[in-house]
Protein backbone atom coordinates (compact mmCIF):
# COMPACT_ATOMS: atom_id res chain seq x y z
CA MET A 1 -7.23 0.38 35.89
CA ILE A 2 -8.29 1.29 32.36
CA TYR A 3 -6.67 4.70 32.57
CA ALA A 4 -3.44 3.12 33.81
CA THR A 5 -3.15 0.51 31.03
CA VAL A 6 -4.93 1.70 27.89
CA PRO A 7 -2.84 4.80 27.06
CA THR A 8 0.43 2.83 27.11
CA ALA A 9 -1.01 0.09 24.90
CA LEU A 10 -2.45 2.70 22.54
CA THR A 11 0.88 4.53 22.35
CA ARG A 12 2.67 1.26 21.58
CA LEU A 13 0.29 0.62 18.66
CA GLU A 14 0.56 4.19 17.38
CA ARG A 15 4.36 4.20 17.14
CA HIS A 16 6.14 4.44 13.80
CA GLY A 17 3.62 6.88 12.31
CA LEU A 18 0.58 4.65 12.80
CA SER A 19 -1.49 7.05 14.89
CA ARG A 20 -4.81 8.08 13.40
CA LEU A 21 -8.05 9.70 14.43
CA VAL A 22 -10.88 7.31 15.26
CA GLU A 23 -12.74 8.30 12.09
CA ASP A 24 -9.65 7.57 10.02
CA LEU A 25 -9.20 4.22 11.78
CA LEU A 26 -12.78 3.26 10.90
CA ASP A 27 -12.20 4.14 7.24
CA GLU A 28 -8.87 2.32 7.24
CA GLU A 29 -10.49 -0.78 8.74
CA VAL A 30 -13.05 -0.93 5.92
CA THR A 31 -10.39 -0.31 3.27
CA LEU A 32 -8.09 -2.99 4.66
CA GLU A 33 -10.90 -5.56 4.92
CA ARG A 34 -11.90 -4.92 1.32
CA GLY A 35 -8.30 -5.02 0.11
CA ILE A 36 -7.56 -8.28 1.89
CA GLY A 37 -10.67 -9.86 0.43
CA GLU A 38 -9.68 -8.77 -3.07
CA MET A 39 -6.14 -10.10 -2.66
CA ILE A 40 -7.40 -13.44 -1.38
CA GLY A 41 -9.61 -13.60 -4.47
CA THR A 42 -6.55 -13.43 -6.73
CA ILE A 43 -5.04 -16.60 -5.25
CA GLN A 44 -6.29 -19.92 -6.58
CA PRO A 45 -8.97 -21.23 -4.19
CA LYS A 46 -7.30 -24.62 -3.91
CA VAL A 47 -3.97 -23.07 -2.95
CA TRP A 48 -5.61 -20.62 -0.52
CA ARG A 49 -7.40 -23.47 1.28
CA LEU A 50 -4.05 -25.18 1.83
CA ILE A 51 -2.24 -22.13 3.23
CA LYS A 52 -5.09 -20.18 4.83
CA ALA A 53 -4.64 -21.56 8.37
CA ARG A 54 -0.89 -20.92 8.31
CA VAL A 55 -1.30 -17.38 7.01
CA GLU A 56 -4.06 -16.49 9.46
CA GLY A 57 -2.10 -18.01 12.33
CA ALA A 58 0.92 -15.87 11.47
CA PHE A 59 -0.62 -12.51 12.30
CA GLY A 60 -1.86 -13.38 15.79
CA THR A 61 -4.78 -11.89 17.66
CA ILE A 62 -5.91 -8.55 19.01
CA HIS A 63 -4.90 -9.67 22.49
CA ASP A 64 -1.31 -10.14 21.29
CA ARG A 65 -1.31 -6.40 20.59
CA MET A 66 -2.03 -5.68 24.27
CA ASN A 67 1.17 -7.38 25.38
CA ALA A 68 3.72 -4.93 26.81
CA THR A 69 6.45 -6.30 24.53
CA TYR A 70 4.46 -5.95 21.30
CA ASP A 71 6.07 -3.76 18.66
CA PRO A 72 4.23 -3.60 15.31
CA VAL A 73 7.32 -3.40 13.10
CA THR A 74 9.26 -6.13 14.89
CA ALA A 75 6.27 -8.46 15.10
CA LEU A 76 5.55 -8.06 11.37
CA ALA A 77 9.18 -8.74 10.45
CA THR A 78 9.22 -11.86 12.62
CA SER A 79 5.99 -13.13 11.07
CA LYS A 80 7.27 -12.51 7.54
CA LYS A 81 10.38 -14.51 8.31
CA GLN A 82 8.31 -17.36 9.75
CA MET A 83 5.91 -17.23 6.81
CA GLY A 84 8.82 -17.45 4.37
CA GLU A 85 10.04 -20.60 6.08
CA ILE A 86 6.55 -22.12 6.26
CA LEU A 87 5.72 -21.41 2.61
CA ARG A 88 9.15 -22.31 1.23
CA ASP A 89 7.98 -25.77 0.14
CA ALA A 90 4.48 -24.69 -0.88
CA GLN A 91 3.59 -24.78 -4.58
CA LEU A 92 3.13 -21.03 -5.00
CA THR A 93 3.95 -18.81 -7.93
CA ASP A 94 6.01 -15.69 -7.33
CA ALA A 95 2.87 -13.61 -7.78
CA ASP A 96 1.06 -15.68 -5.13
CA ARG A 97 4.00 -15.31 -2.73
CA THR A 98 3.92 -11.56 -3.21
CA THR A 99 0.16 -11.55 -2.66
CA VAL A 100 0.50 -13.63 0.52
CA ASP A 101 3.14 -11.18 1.74
CA ARG A 102 0.78 -8.26 1.08
CA ILE A 103 -2.07 -10.12 2.79
CA LEU A 104 0.16 -10.56 5.82
CA ASP A 105 1.08 -6.85 5.83
CA ASN A 106 -2.53 -5.73 5.54
CA SER A 107 -3.81 -8.28 8.05
CA TYR A 108 -1.25 -7.13 10.59
CA ARG A 109 -2.30 -3.53 10.07
CA LEU A 110 -5.98 -4.49 10.23
CA LEU A 111 -5.52 -6.16 13.62
CA ASP A 112 -3.53 -3.16 14.84
CA VAL A 113 -6.36 -0.86 13.71
CA ARG A 114 -8.96 -3.04 15.43
CA ALA A 115 -6.88 -3.06 18.62
CA GLN A 116 -6.63 0.74 18.50
CA LEU A 117 -10.39 1.04 18.01
CA MET A 118 -11.01 -1.32 20.93
CA LEU A 119 -8.73 0.77 23.16
CA HIS A 120 -10.42 4.01 22.09
CA ARG A 121 -13.80 2.47 22.96
CA ARG A 122 -12.50 1.46 26.38
CA LEU A 123 -11.28 4.99 27.03
CA LYS A 124 -14.62 6.43 25.94
CA ARG A 125 -16.52 4.09 28.28
CA TRP A 126 -14.12 4.96 31.08
CA LEU A 127 -14.65 8.67 30.45
CA VAL A 128 -18.44 8.32 30.63
CA ALA A 129 -18.17 6.36 33.88
CA HIS A 130 -15.63 8.83 35.25
CA VAL A 131 -17.77 11.88 34.48
CA ALA A 132 -20.90 10.25 35.89
CA THR A 133 -19.12 9.25 39.10
CA ALA A 134 -17.46 12.64 39.50
CA THR A 135 -20.80 14.40 38.99
CA ALA A 136 -22.48 12.19 41.58
CA LEU A 137 -19.67 12.84 44.05
CA ILE A 138 -19.92 16.61 43.53
CA VAL A 139 -23.67 16.49 44.14
CA LEU A 140 -23.09 14.46 47.31
CA LEU A 141 -20.38 16.88 48.45
CA VAL A 142 -22.69 19.89 47.95
CA PHE A 143 -25.46 18.06 49.83
CA HIS A 144 -23.00 17.26 52.63
CA VAL A 145 -21.84 20.88 52.91
CA LEU A 146 -25.40 22.22 52.89
CA THR A 147 -26.45 19.69 55.51
CA ALA A 148 -23.45 20.57 57.70
CA LEU A 149 -24.21 24.30 57.40
CA THR A 150 -27.85 23.85 58.38
CA LEU A 151 -26.89 21.88 61.50
CA VAL A 152 -24.65 24.61 62.87
C-alpha cells in the first residue's frame, strides 16, 4: 500500500523544481522555521494576534498535501487570493502585508517540506520491512528446498 501511494504523492510535491535530497530538506526545514519566526517578529504583536488564526488557517495541513488533487503552485495562488480578500479590511501597513505574504509563501513551503520528509520516512520504514520480509522468505524457501531434497 505504501509503495503504491507514497511515490505519487512525493512526485506531486516535488514538481516545479521543488525536489531535494533528504539532507537538504532537513536544512530547508530549519531555515524556513527560523525565517518565519523572524518575519512574525517584525509584525506588531497586537496585529499578529488578530490575524494569526486566519494566516495559519490559509496554508492548510500536511494531510492536505497528500490529496491527489494537490498542486503546490495552484494551492499557494489560491491561498494568496483568499488571504488578500480576508486581510483587505485589516489595519495593516504595506510592509506588514508584504511580510504576511512572505510568511504565507514560507509556511506553504515549510508544510510541503514536512510532507516530503514524512513520505521519505514512510518509504524508509517500508524498505526496512520489505527487506526483512524478503530475507525471511528466502531463508524459508532454502529450508523448504533442503527439506524436500532430504525427503527424496
